[in-house]
mmCIF file of all heavy atoms, coordinates in Angstrom:
data_MODEL
# 
_entry.id   MODEL 
# 
loop_
_atom_site.group_PDB 
_atom_site.id 
_atom_site.type_symbol 
_atom_site.label_atom_id 
_atom_site.label_alt_id 
_atom_site.label_comp_id 
_atom_site.label_asym_id 
_atom_site.label_entity_id 
_atom_site.label_seq_id 
_atom_site.pdbx_PDB_ins_code 
_atom_site.Cartn_x 
_atom_site.Cartn_y 
_atom_site.Cartn_z 
_atom_site.occupancy 
_atom_site.B_iso_or_equiv 
_atom_site.pdbx_formal_charge 
_atom_site.auth_seq_id 
_atom_site.auth_comp_id 
_atom_site.auth_asym_id 
_atom_site.auth_atom_id 
_atom_site.pdbx_PDB_model_num 
ATOM 1   N N   . SER A 1 1  ? -9.761  7.499   -13.245 1.00 0.00 ? 1  SER A N   1 
ATOM 2   C CA  . SER A 1 1  ? -8.503  7.477   -12.504 1.00 0.00 ? 1  SER A CA  1 
ATOM 3   C C   . SER A 1 1  ? -8.706  6.974   -11.076 1.00 0.00 ? 1  SER A C   1 
ATOM 4   O O   . SER A 1 1  ? -7.901  6.189   -10.563 1.00 0.00 ? 1  SER A O   1 
ATOM 5   C CB  . SER A 1 1  ? -7.895  8.877   -12.476 1.00 0.00 ? 1  SER A CB  1 
ATOM 6   O OG  . SER A 1 1  ? -6.692  8.885   -11.736 1.00 0.00 ? 1  SER A OG  1 
ATOM 7   N N   . PHE A 1 2  ? -9.787  7.426   -10.443 1.00 0.00 ? 2  PHE A N   1 
ATOM 8   C CA  . PHE A 1 2  ? -10.061 6.992   -9.072  1.00 0.00 ? 2  PHE A CA  1 
ATOM 9   C C   . PHE A 1 2  ? -10.248 5.480   -9.009  1.00 0.00 ? 2  PHE A C   1 
ATOM 10  O O   . PHE A 1 2  ? -9.729  4.818   -8.096  1.00 0.00 ? 2  PHE A O   1 
ATOM 11  C CB  . PHE A 1 2  ? -11.305 7.696   -8.537  1.00 0.00 ? 2  PHE A CB  1 
ATOM 12  C CG  . PHE A 1 2  ? -11.704 7.263   -7.152  1.00 0.00 ? 2  PHE A CG  1 
ATOM 13  C CD1 . PHE A 1 2  ? -11.004 7.702   -6.042  1.00 0.00 ? 2  PHE A CD1 1 
ATOM 14  C CD2 . PHE A 1 2  ? -12.769 6.392   -6.961  1.00 0.00 ? 2  PHE A CD2 1 
ATOM 15  C CE1 . PHE A 1 2  ? -11.357 7.295   -4.763  1.00 0.00 ? 2  PHE A CE1 1 
ATOM 16  C CE2 . PHE A 1 2  ? -13.131 5.982   -5.700  1.00 0.00 ? 2  PHE A CE2 1 
ATOM 17  C CZ  . PHE A 1 2  ? -12.425 6.432   -4.589  1.00 0.00 ? 2  PHE A CZ  1 
ATOM 18  N N   . CYS A 1 3  ? -10.962 4.925   -9.984  1.00 0.00 ? 3  CYS A N   1 
ATOM 19  C CA  . CYS A 1 3  ? -11.179 3.472   -10.020 1.00 0.00 ? 3  CYS A CA  1 
ATOM 20  C C   . CYS A 1 3  ? -9.856  2.730   -10.183 1.00 0.00 ? 3  CYS A C   1 
ATOM 21  O O   . CYS A 1 3  ? -9.623  1.705   -9.519  1.00 0.00 ? 3  CYS A O   1 
ATOM 22  C CB  . CYS A 1 3  ? -12.126 3.107   -11.156 1.00 0.00 ? 3  CYS A CB  1 
ATOM 23  S SG  . CYS A 1 3  ? -13.820 3.685   -10.925 1.00 0.00 ? 3  CYS A SG  1 
ATOM 24  N N   . LEU A 1 4  ? -8.987  3.250   -11.061 1.00 0.00 ? 4  LEU A N   1 
ATOM 25  C CA  . LEU A 1 4  ? -7.683  2.617   -11.269 1.00 0.00 ? 4  LEU A CA  1 
ATOM 26  C C   . LEU A 1 4  ? -6.818  2.697   -10.015 1.00 0.00 ? 4  LEU A C   1 
ATOM 27  O O   . LEU A 1 4  ? -6.096  1.753   -9.685  1.00 0.00 ? 4  LEU A O   1 
ATOM 28  C CB  . LEU A 1 4  ? -6.954  3.289   -12.434 1.00 0.00 ? 4  LEU A CB  1 
ATOM 29  C CG  . LEU A 1 4  ? -7.524  3.070   -13.837 1.00 0.00 ? 4  LEU A CG  1 
ATOM 30  C CD1 . LEU A 1 4  ? -6.747  3.892   -14.865 1.00 0.00 ? 4  LEU A CD1 1 
ATOM 31  C CD2 . LEU A 1 4  ? -7.493  1.598   -14.222 1.00 0.00 ? 4  LEU A CD2 1 
ATOM 32  N N   . GLN A 1 5  ? -6.891  3.833   -9.330  1.00 0.00 ? 5  GLN A N   1 
ATOM 33  C CA  . GLN A 1 5  ? -6.056  4.030   -8.146  1.00 0.00 ? 5  GLN A CA  1 
ATOM 34  C C   . GLN A 1 5  ? -6.550  3.239   -6.940  1.00 0.00 ? 5  GLN A C   1 
ATOM 35  O O   . GLN A 1 5  ? -5.754  2.757   -6.142  1.00 0.00 ? 5  GLN A O   1 
ATOM 36  C CB  . GLN A 1 5  ? -5.997  5.523   -7.806  1.00 0.00 ? 5  GLN A CB  1 
ATOM 37  C CG  . GLN A 1 5  ? -5.270  6.368   -8.830  1.00 0.00 ? 5  GLN A CG  1 
ATOM 38  C CD  . GLN A 1 5  ? -5.308  7.842   -8.486  1.00 0.00 ? 5  GLN A CD  1 
ATOM 39  O OE1 . GLN A 1 5  ? -5.377  8.217   -7.328  1.00 0.00 ? 5  GLN A OE1 1 
ATOM 40  N NE2 . GLN A 1 5  ? -5.286  8.691   -9.497  1.00 0.00 ? 5  GLN A NE2 1 
ATOM 41  N N   . ILE A 1 6  ? -7.844  3.139   -6.796  1.00 0.00 ? 6  ILE A N   1 
ATOM 42  C CA  . ILE A 1 6  ? -8.397  2.493   -5.605  1.00 0.00 ? 6  ILE A CA  1 
ATOM 43  C C   . ILE A 1 6  ? -8.406  0.967   -5.742  1.00 0.00 ? 6  ILE A C   1 
ATOM 44  O O   . ILE A 1 6  ? -8.396  0.243   -4.742  1.00 0.00 ? 6  ILE A O   1 
ATOM 45  C CB  . ILE A 1 6  ? -9.832  3.012   -5.317  1.00 0.00 ? 6  ILE A CB  1 
ATOM 46  C CG1 . ILE A 1 6  ? -10.136 2.919   -3.814  1.00 0.00 ? 6  ILE A CG1 1 
ATOM 47  C CG2 . ILE A 1 6  ? -10.863 2.264   -6.142  1.00 0.00 ? 6  ILE A CG2 1 
ATOM 48  C CD1 . ILE A 1 6  ? -9.384  3.903   -2.974  1.00 0.00 ? 6  ILE A CD1 1 
ATOM 49  N N   . TYR A 1 7  ? -8.403  0.488   -7.000  1.00 0.00 ? 7  TYR A N   1 
ATOM 50  C CA  . TYR A 1 7  ? -8.422  -0.959  -7.220  1.00 0.00 ? 7  TYR A CA  1 
ATOM 51  C C   . TYR A 1 7  ? -7.083  -1.565  -6.799  1.00 0.00 ? 7  TYR A C   1 
ATOM 52  O O   . TYR A 1 7  ? -6.027  -1.181  -7.271  1.00 0.00 ? 7  TYR A O   1 
ATOM 53  C CB  . TYR A 1 7  ? -8.690  -1.277  -8.694  1.00 0.00 ? 7  TYR A CB  1 
ATOM 54  C CG  . TYR A 1 7  ? -8.690  -2.760  -8.998  1.00 0.00 ? 7  TYR A CG  1 
ATOM 55  C CD1 . TYR A 1 7  ? -9.775  -3.560  -8.647  1.00 0.00 ? 7  TYR A CD1 1 
ATOM 56  C CD2 . TYR A 1 7  ? -7.594  -3.355  -9.616  1.00 0.00 ? 7  TYR A CD2 1 
ATOM 57  C CE1 . TYR A 1 7  ? -9.773  -4.919  -8.920  1.00 0.00 ? 7  TYR A CE1 1 
ATOM 58  C CE2 . TYR A 1 7  ? -7.588  -4.713  -9.896  1.00 0.00 ? 7  TYR A CE2 1 
ATOM 59  C CZ  . TYR A 1 7  ? -8.674  -5.488  -9.542  1.00 0.00 ? 7  TYR A CZ  1 
ATOM 60  O OH  . TYR A 1 7  ? -8.675  -6.835  -9.804  1.00 0.00 ? 7  TYR A OH  1 
ATOM 61  N N   . GLY A 1 8  ? -7.139  -2.499  -5.887  1.00 0.00 ? 8  GLY A N   1 
ATOM 62  C CA  . GLY A 1 8  ? -5.927  -3.165  -5.419  1.00 0.00 ? 8  GLY A CA  1 
ATOM 63  C C   . GLY A 1 8  ? -5.105  -2.361  -4.442  1.00 0.00 ? 8  GLY A C   1 
ATOM 64  O O   . GLY A 1 8  ? -3.944  -2.703  -4.173  1.00 0.00 ? 8  GLY A O   1 
ATOM 65  N N   . ILE A 1 9  ? -5.673  -1.291  -3.878  1.00 0.00 ? 9  ILE A N   1 
ATOM 66  C CA  . ILE A 1 9  ? -4.909  -0.435  -2.978  1.00 0.00 ? 9  ILE A CA  1 
ATOM 67  C C   . ILE A 1 9  ? -4.525  -1.151  -1.681  1.00 0.00 ? 9  ILE A C   1 
ATOM 68  O O   . ILE A 1 9  ? -3.588  -0.750  -0.984  1.00 0.00 ? 9  ILE A O   1 
ATOM 69  C CB  . ILE A 1 9  ? -5.706  0.858   -2.657  1.00 0.00 ? 9  ILE A CB  1 
ATOM 70  C CG1 . ILE A 1 9  ? -4.799  1.908   -1.997  1.00 0.00 ? 9  ILE A CG1 1 
ATOM 71  C CG2 . ILE A 1 9  ? -6.905  0.545   -1.777  1.00 0.00 ? 9  ILE A CG2 1 
ATOM 72  C CD1 . ILE A 1 9  ? -5.454  3.234   -1.779  1.00 0.00 ? 9  ILE A CD1 1 
ATOM 73  N N   . ASN A 1 10 ? -5.244  -2.211  -1.360  1.00 0.00 ? 10 ASN A N   1 
ATOM 74  C CA  . ASN A 1 10 ? -4.947  -2.955  -0.125  1.00 0.00 ? 10 ASN A CA  1 
ATOM 75  C C   . ASN A 1 10 ? -3.985  -4.108  -0.376  1.00 0.00 ? 10 ASN A C   1 
ATOM 76  O O   . ASN A 1 10 ? -3.888  -5.020  0.458   1.00 0.00 ? 10 ASN A O   1 
ATOM 77  C CB  . ASN A 1 10 ? -6.245  -3.463  0.501   1.00 0.00 ? 10 ASN A CB  1 
ATOM 78  C CG  . ASN A 1 10 ? -6.990  -4.438  -0.407  1.00 0.00 ? 10 ASN A CG  1 
ATOM 79  O OD1 . ASN A 1 10 ? -6.774  -4.427  -1.626  1.00 0.00 ? 10 ASN A OD1 1 
ATOM 80  N ND2 . ASN A 1 10 ? -7.853  -5.257  0.162   1.00 0.00 ? 10 ASN A ND2 1 
ATOM 81  N N   . HIS A 1 11 ? -3.257  -4.095  -1.481  1.00 0.00 ? 11 HIS A N   1 
ATOM 82  C CA  . HIS A 1 11 ? -2.361  -5.202  -1.800  1.00 0.00 ? 11 HIS A CA  1 
ATOM 83  C C   . HIS A 1 11 ? -1.326  -5.394  -0.694  1.00 0.00 ? 11 HIS A C   1 
ATOM 84  O O   . HIS A 1 11 ? -0.749  -4.457  -0.165  1.00 0.00 ? 11 HIS A O   1 
ATOM 85  C CB  . HIS A 1 11 ? -1.649  -4.953  -3.135  1.00 0.00 ? 11 HIS A CB  1 
ATOM 86  C CG  . HIS A 1 11 ? -0.691  -3.795  -3.096  1.00 0.00 ? 11 HIS A CG  1 
ATOM 87  N ND1 . HIS A 1 11 ? 0.636   -3.930  -2.755  1.00 0.00 ? 11 HIS A ND1 1 
ATOM 88  C CD2 . HIS A 1 11 ? -0.865  -2.470  -3.356  1.00 0.00 ? 11 HIS A CD2 1 
ATOM 89  C CE1 . HIS A 1 11 ? 1.232   -2.761  -2.796  1.00 0.00 ? 11 HIS A CE1 1 
ATOM 90  N NE2 . HIS A 1 11 ? 0.358   -1.852  -3.147  1.00 0.00 ? 11 HIS A NE2 1 
ATOM 91  N N   . GLY A 1 12 ? -1.137  -6.661  -0.322  1.00 0.00 ? 12 GLY A N   1 
ATOM 92  C CA  . GLY A 1 12 ? -0.128  -6.999  0.682   1.00 0.00 ? 12 GLY A CA  1 
ATOM 93  C C   . GLY A 1 12 ? -0.558  -6.848  2.121   1.00 0.00 ? 12 GLY A C   1 
ATOM 94  O O   . GLY A 1 12 ? 0.054   -7.429  3.022   1.00 0.00 ? 12 GLY A O   1 
ATOM 95  N N   . LEU A 1 13 ? -1.595  -6.060  2.377   1.00 0.00 ? 13 LEU A N   1 
ATOM 96  C CA  . LEU A 1 13 ? -2.046  -5.837  3.749   1.00 0.00 ? 13 LEU A CA  1 
ATOM 97  C C   . LEU A 1 13 ? -2.780  -7.064  4.269   1.00 0.00 ? 13 LEU A C   1 
ATOM 98  O O   . LEU A 1 13 ? -3.449  -7.762  3.511   1.00 0.00 ? 13 LEU A O   1 
ATOM 99  C CB  . LEU A 1 13 ? -2.960  -4.610  3.804   1.00 0.00 ? 13 LEU A CB  1 
ATOM 100 C CG  . LEU A 1 13 ? -2.318  -3.295  3.350   1.00 0.00 ? 13 LEU A CG  1 
ATOM 101 C CD1 . LEU A 1 13 ? -3.327  -2.157  3.421   1.00 0.00 ? 13 LEU A CD1 1 
ATOM 102 C CD2 . LEU A 1 13 ? -1.084  -2.968  4.179   1.00 0.00 ? 13 LEU A CD2 1 
ATOM 103 N N   . PRO A 1 14 ? -2.656  -7.378  5.569   1.00 0.00 ? 14 PRO A N   1 
ATOM 104 C CA  . PRO A 1 14 ? -2.083  -6.551  6.646   1.00 0.00 ? 14 PRO A CA  1 
ATOM 105 C C   . PRO A 1 14 ? -0.561  -6.568  6.727   1.00 0.00 ? 14 PRO A C   1 
ATOM 106 O O   . PRO A 1 14 ? 0.016   -5.909  7.579   1.00 0.00 ? 14 PRO A O   1 
ATOM 107 C CB  . PRO A 1 14 ? -2.696  -7.156  7.911   1.00 0.00 ? 14 PRO A CB  1 
ATOM 108 C CG  . PRO A 1 14 ? -2.843  -8.601  7.568   1.00 0.00 ? 14 PRO A CG  1 
ATOM 109 C CD  . PRO A 1 14 ? -3.220  -8.627  6.105   1.00 0.00 ? 14 PRO A CD  1 
ATOM 110 N N   . HIS A 1 15 ? 0.086   -7.363  5.857   1.00 0.00 ? 15 HIS A N   1 
ATOM 111 C CA  . HIS A 1 15 ? 1.548   -7.373  5.856   1.00 0.00 ? 15 HIS A CA  1 
ATOM 112 C C   . HIS A 1 15 ? 2.047   -6.161  5.073   1.00 0.00 ? 15 HIS A C   1 
ATOM 113 O O   . HIS A 1 15 ? 1.318   -5.579  4.268   1.00 0.00 ? 15 HIS A O   1 
ATOM 114 C CB  . HIS A 1 15 ? 2.058   -8.665  5.229   1.00 0.00 ? 15 HIS A CB  1 
ATOM 115 C CG  . HIS A 1 15 ? 1.455   -9.902  5.828   1.00 0.00 ? 15 HIS A CG  1 
ATOM 116 N ND1 . HIS A 1 15 ? 1.774   -10.355 7.085   1.00 0.00 ? 15 HIS A ND1 1 
ATOM 117 C CD2 . HIS A 1 15 ? 0.521   -10.762 5.342   1.00 0.00 ? 15 HIS A CD2 1 
ATOM 118 C CE1 . HIS A 1 15 ? 1.076   -11.449 7.357   1.00 0.00 ? 15 HIS A CE1 1 
ATOM 119 N NE2 . HIS A 1 15 ? 0.300   -11.709 6.320   1.00 0.00 ? 15 HIS A NE2 1 
ATOM 120 N N   . HIS A 1 16 ? 3.286   -5.793  5.287   1.00 0.00 ? 16 HIS A N   1 
ATOM 121 C CA  . HIS A 1 16 ? 3.855   -4.666  4.559   1.00 0.00 ? 16 HIS A CA  1 
ATOM 122 C C   . HIS A 1 16 ? 5.290   -5.028  4.186   1.00 0.00 ? 16 HIS A C   1 
ATOM 123 O O   . HIS A 1 16 ? 6.156   -5.191  5.025   1.00 0.00 ? 16 HIS A O   1 
ATOM 124 C CB  . HIS A 1 16 ? 3.805   -3.383  5.394   1.00 0.00 ? 16 HIS A CB  1 
ATOM 125 C CG  . HIS A 1 16 ? 4.108   -3.556  6.844   1.00 0.00 ? 16 HIS A CG  1 
ATOM 126 N ND1 . HIS A 1 16 ? 5.350   -3.356  7.382   1.00 0.00 ? 16 HIS A ND1 1 
ATOM 127 C CD2 . HIS A 1 16 ? 3.318   -3.939  7.872   1.00 0.00 ? 16 HIS A CD2 1 
ATOM 128 C CE1 . HIS A 1 16 ? 5.328   -3.603  8.681   1.00 0.00 ? 16 HIS A CE1 1 
ATOM 129 N NE2 . HIS A 1 16 ? 4.110   -3.953  9.012   1.00 0.00 ? 16 HIS A NE2 1 
ATOM 130 N N   . PHE A 1 17 ? 5.504   -5.166  2.885   1.00 0.00 ? 17 PHE A N   1 
ATOM 131 C CA  . PHE A 1 17 ? 6.788   -5.650  2.384   1.00 0.00 ? 17 PHE A CA  1 
ATOM 132 C C   . PHE A 1 17 ? 7.662   -4.536  1.811   1.00 0.00 ? 17 PHE A C   1 
ATOM 133 O O   . PHE A 1 17 ? 8.827   -4.740  1.534   1.00 0.00 ? 17 PHE A O   1 
ATOM 134 C CB  . PHE A 1 17 ? 6.551   -6.713  1.300   1.00 0.00 ? 17 PHE A CB  1 
ATOM 135 C CG  . PHE A 1 17 ? 5.682   -7.857  1.767   1.00 0.00 ? 17 PHE A CG  1 
ATOM 136 C CD1 . PHE A 1 17 ? 4.366   -7.956  1.348   1.00 0.00 ? 17 PHE A CD1 1 
ATOM 137 C CD2 . PHE A 1 17 ? 6.191   -8.815  2.629   1.00 0.00 ? 17 PHE A CD2 1 
ATOM 138 C CE1 . PHE A 1 17 ? 3.570   -9.006  1.771   1.00 0.00 ? 17 PHE A CE1 1 
ATOM 139 C CE2 . PHE A 1 17 ? 5.393   -9.866  3.066   1.00 0.00 ? 17 PHE A CE2 1 
ATOM 140 C CZ  . PHE A 1 17 ? 4.076   -9.965  2.640   1.00 0.00 ? 17 PHE A CZ  1 
ATOM 141 N N   . ASP A 1 18 ? 7.077   -3.367  1.616   1.00 0.00 ? 18 ASP A N   1 
ATOM 142 C CA  . ASP A 1 18 ? 7.838   -2.240  1.068   1.00 0.00 ? 18 ASP A CA  1 
ATOM 143 C C   . ASP A 1 18 ? 8.541   -1.520  2.217   1.00 0.00 ? 18 ASP A C   1 
ATOM 144 O O   . ASP A 1 18 ? 7.895   -0.921  3.077   1.00 0.00 ? 18 ASP A O   1 
ATOM 145 C CB  . ASP A 1 18 ? 6.894   -1.283  0.332   1.00 0.00 ? 18 ASP A CB  1 
ATOM 146 C CG  . ASP A 1 18 ? 7.647   -0.241  -0.481  1.00 0.00 ? 18 ASP A CG  1 
ATOM 147 O OD1 . ASP A 1 18 ? 8.667   0.280   0.034   1.00 0.00 ? 18 ASP A OD1 1 
ATOM 148 O OD2 . ASP A 1 18 ? 7.219   0.060   -1.602  1.00 0.00 ? 18 ASP A OD2 1 
ATOM 149 N N   . HIS A 1 19 ? 9.865   -1.582  2.211   1.00 0.00 ? 19 HIS A N   1 
ATOM 150 C CA  . HIS A 1 19 ? 10.644  -0.993  3.314   1.00 0.00 ? 19 HIS A CA  1 
ATOM 151 C C   . HIS A 1 19 ? 10.421  0.506   3.421   1.00 0.00 ? 19 HIS A C   1 
ATOM 152 O O   . HIS A 1 19 ? 10.347  1.062   4.524   1.00 0.00 ? 19 HIS A O   1 
ATOM 153 C CB  . HIS A 1 19 ? 12.128  -1.295  3.104   1.00 0.00 ? 19 HIS A CB  1 
ATOM 154 C CG  . HIS A 1 19 ? 13.012  -0.746  4.173   1.00 0.00 ? 19 HIS A CG  1 
ATOM 155 N ND1 . HIS A 1 19 ? 12.875  -1.099  5.506   1.00 0.00 ? 19 HIS A ND1 1 
ATOM 156 C CD2 . HIS A 1 19 ? 14.050  0.154   4.118   1.00 0.00 ? 19 HIS A CD2 1 
ATOM 157 C CE1 . HIS A 1 19 ? 13.786  -0.468  6.224   1.00 0.00 ? 19 HIS A CE1 1 
ATOM 158 N NE2 . HIS A 1 19 ? 14.507  0.295   5.404   1.00 0.00 ? 19 HIS A NE2 1 
ATOM 159 N N   . ASP A 1 20 ? 10.293  1.187   2.275   1.00 0.00 ? 20 ASP A N   1 
ATOM 160 C CA  . ASP A 1 20 ? 10.107  2.642   2.297   1.00 0.00 ? 20 ASP A CA  1 
ATOM 161 C C   . ASP A 1 20 ? 8.755   3.017   2.907   1.00 0.00 ? 20 ASP A C   1 
ATOM 162 O O   . ASP A 1 20 ? 8.645   4.015   3.626   1.00 0.00 ? 20 ASP A O   1 
ATOM 163 C CB  . ASP A 1 20 ? 10.206  3.214   0.882   1.00 0.00 ? 20 ASP A CB  1 
ATOM 164 C CG  . ASP A 1 20 ? 11.632  3.185   0.359   1.00 0.00 ? 20 ASP A CG  1 
ATOM 165 O OD1 . ASP A 1 20 ? 12.556  3.025   1.179   1.00 0.00 ? 20 ASP A OD1 1 
ATOM 166 O OD2 . ASP A 1 20 ? 11.823  3.306   -0.868  1.00 0.00 ? 20 ASP A OD2 1 
ATOM 167 N N   . GLU A 1 21 ? 7.725   2.229   2.623   1.00 0.00 ? 21 GLU A N   1 
ATOM 168 C CA  . GLU A 1 21 ? 6.421   2.466   3.246   1.00 0.00 ? 21 GLU A CA  1 
ATOM 169 C C   . GLU A 1 21 ? 6.528   2.353   4.764   1.00 0.00 ? 21 GLU A C   1 
ATOM 170 O O   . GLU A 1 21 ? 5.982   3.177   5.502   1.00 0.00 ? 21 GLU A O   1 
ATOM 171 C CB  . GLU A 1 21 ? 5.388   1.471   2.722   1.00 0.00 ? 21 GLU A CB  1 
ATOM 172 C CG  . GLU A 1 21 ? 4.768   1.817   1.396   1.00 0.00 ? 21 GLU A CG  1 
ATOM 173 C CD  . GLU A 1 21 ? 3.548   0.972   1.105   1.00 0.00 ? 21 GLU A CD  1 
ATOM 174 O OE1 . GLU A 1 21 ? 3.624   -0.261  1.294   1.00 0.00 ? 21 GLU A OE1 1 
ATOM 175 O OE2 . GLU A 1 21 ? 2.519   1.520   0.694   1.00 0.00 ? 21 GLU A OE2 1 
ATOM 176 N N   . SER A 1 22 ? 7.228   1.322   5.217   1.00 0.00 ? 22 SER A N   1 
ATOM 177 C CA  . SER A 1 22 ? 7.382   1.107   6.659   1.00 0.00 ? 22 SER A CA  1 
ATOM 178 C C   . SER A 1 22 ? 8.130   2.266   7.304   1.00 0.00 ? 22 SER A C   1 
ATOM 179 O O   . SER A 1 22 ? 7.771   2.721   8.401   1.00 0.00 ? 22 SER A O   1 
ATOM 180 C CB  . SER A 1 22 ? 8.132   -0.204  6.922   1.00 0.00 ? 22 SER A CB  1 
ATOM 181 O OG  . SER A 1 22 ? 7.416   -1.305  6.405   1.00 0.00 ? 22 SER A OG  1 
ATOM 182 N N   . LEU A 1 23 ? 9.166   2.767   6.632   1.00 0.00 ? 23 LEU A N   1 
ATOM 183 C CA  . LEU A 1 23 ? 9.934   3.887   7.170   1.00 0.00 ? 23 LEU A CA  1 
ATOM 184 C C   . LEU A 1 23 ? 9.041   5.095   7.426   1.00 0.00 ? 23 LEU A C   1 
ATOM 185 O O   . LEU A 1 23 ? 9.098   5.712   8.490   1.00 0.00 ? 23 LEU A O   1 
ATOM 186 C CB  . LEU A 1 23 ? 11.051  4.276   6.194   1.00 0.00 ? 23 LEU A CB  1 
ATOM 187 C CG  . LEU A 1 23 ? 12.315  3.409   6.181   1.00 0.00 ? 23 LEU A CG  1 
ATOM 188 C CD1 . LEU A 1 23 ? 13.249  3.891   5.076   1.00 0.00 ? 23 LEU A CD1 1 
ATOM 189 C CD2 . LEU A 1 23 ? 13.028  3.452   7.526   1.00 0.00 ? 23 LEU A CD2 1 
ATOM 190 N N   . ILE A 1 24 ? 8.187   5.418   6.463   1.00 0.00 ? 24 ILE A N   1 
ATOM 191 C CA  . ILE A 1 24 ? 7.364   6.620   6.572   1.00 0.00 ? 24 ILE A CA  1 
ATOM 192 C C   . ILE A 1 24 ? 6.263   6.446   7.603   1.00 0.00 ? 24 ILE A C   1 
ATOM 193 O O   . ILE A 1 24 ? 6.047   7.309   8.464   1.00 0.00 ? 24 ILE A O   1 
ATOM 194 C CB  . ILE A 1 24 ? 6.764   6.976   5.197   1.00 0.00 ? 24 ILE A CB  1 
ATOM 195 C CG1 . ILE A 1 24 ? 7.859   7.438   4.255   1.00 0.00 ? 24 ILE A CG1 1 
ATOM 196 C CG2 . ILE A 1 24 ? 5.705   8.062   5.336   1.00 0.00 ? 24 ILE A CG2 1 
ATOM 197 C CD1 . ILE A 1 24 ? 7.389   7.776   2.867   1.00 0.00 ? 24 ILE A CD1 1 
ATOM 198 N N   . VAL A 1 25 ? 5.535   5.332   7.538   1.00 0.00 ? 25 VAL A N   1 
ATOM 199 C CA  . VAL A 1 25 ? 4.402   5.122   8.446   1.00 0.00 ? 25 VAL A CA  1 
ATOM 200 C C   . VAL A 1 25 ? 4.883   5.032   9.894   1.00 0.00 ? 25 VAL A C   1 
ATOM 201 O O   . VAL A 1 25 ? 4.321   5.674   10.790  1.00 0.00 ? 25 VAL A O   1 
ATOM 202 C CB  . VAL A 1 25 ? 3.622   3.855   8.053   1.00 0.00 ? 25 VAL A CB  1 
ATOM 203 C CG1 . VAL A 1 25 ? 2.569   3.525   9.108   1.00 0.00 ? 25 VAL A CG1 1 
ATOM 204 C CG2 . VAL A 1 25 ? 2.956   4.046   6.691   1.00 0.00 ? 25 VAL A CG2 1 
ATOM 205 N N   . GLU A 1 26 ? 5.912   4.249   10.149  1.00 0.00 ? 26 GLU A N   1 
ATOM 206 C CA  . GLU A 1 26 ? 6.419   4.101   11.511  1.00 0.00 ? 26 GLU A CA  1 
ATOM 207 C C   . GLU A 1 26 ? 7.024   5.399   12.028  1.00 0.00 ? 26 GLU A C   1 
ATOM 208 O O   . GLU A 1 26 ? 6.865   5.752   13.196  1.00 0.00 ? 26 GLU A O   1 
ATOM 209 C CB  . GLU A 1 26 ? 7.441   2.965   11.554  1.00 0.00 ? 26 GLU A CB  1 
ATOM 210 C CG  . GLU A 1 26 ? 6.821   1.588   11.300  1.00 0.00 ? 26 GLU A CG  1 
ATOM 211 C CD  . GLU A 1 26 ? 7.861   0.491   11.214  1.00 0.00 ? 26 GLU A CD  1 
ATOM 212 O OE1 . GLU A 1 26 ? 9.046   0.767   11.513  1.00 0.00 ? 26 GLU A OE1 1 
ATOM 213 O OE2 . GLU A 1 26 ? 7.500   -0.642  10.842  1.00 0.00 ? 26 GLU A OE2 1 
# 
């Protein structure tokens, strides 16, 4: 499970296209 979860975890970075992610982090 850890391998599946960690693989590709940096997708899209350094950009961030998910509006909900931006709401929470900011």
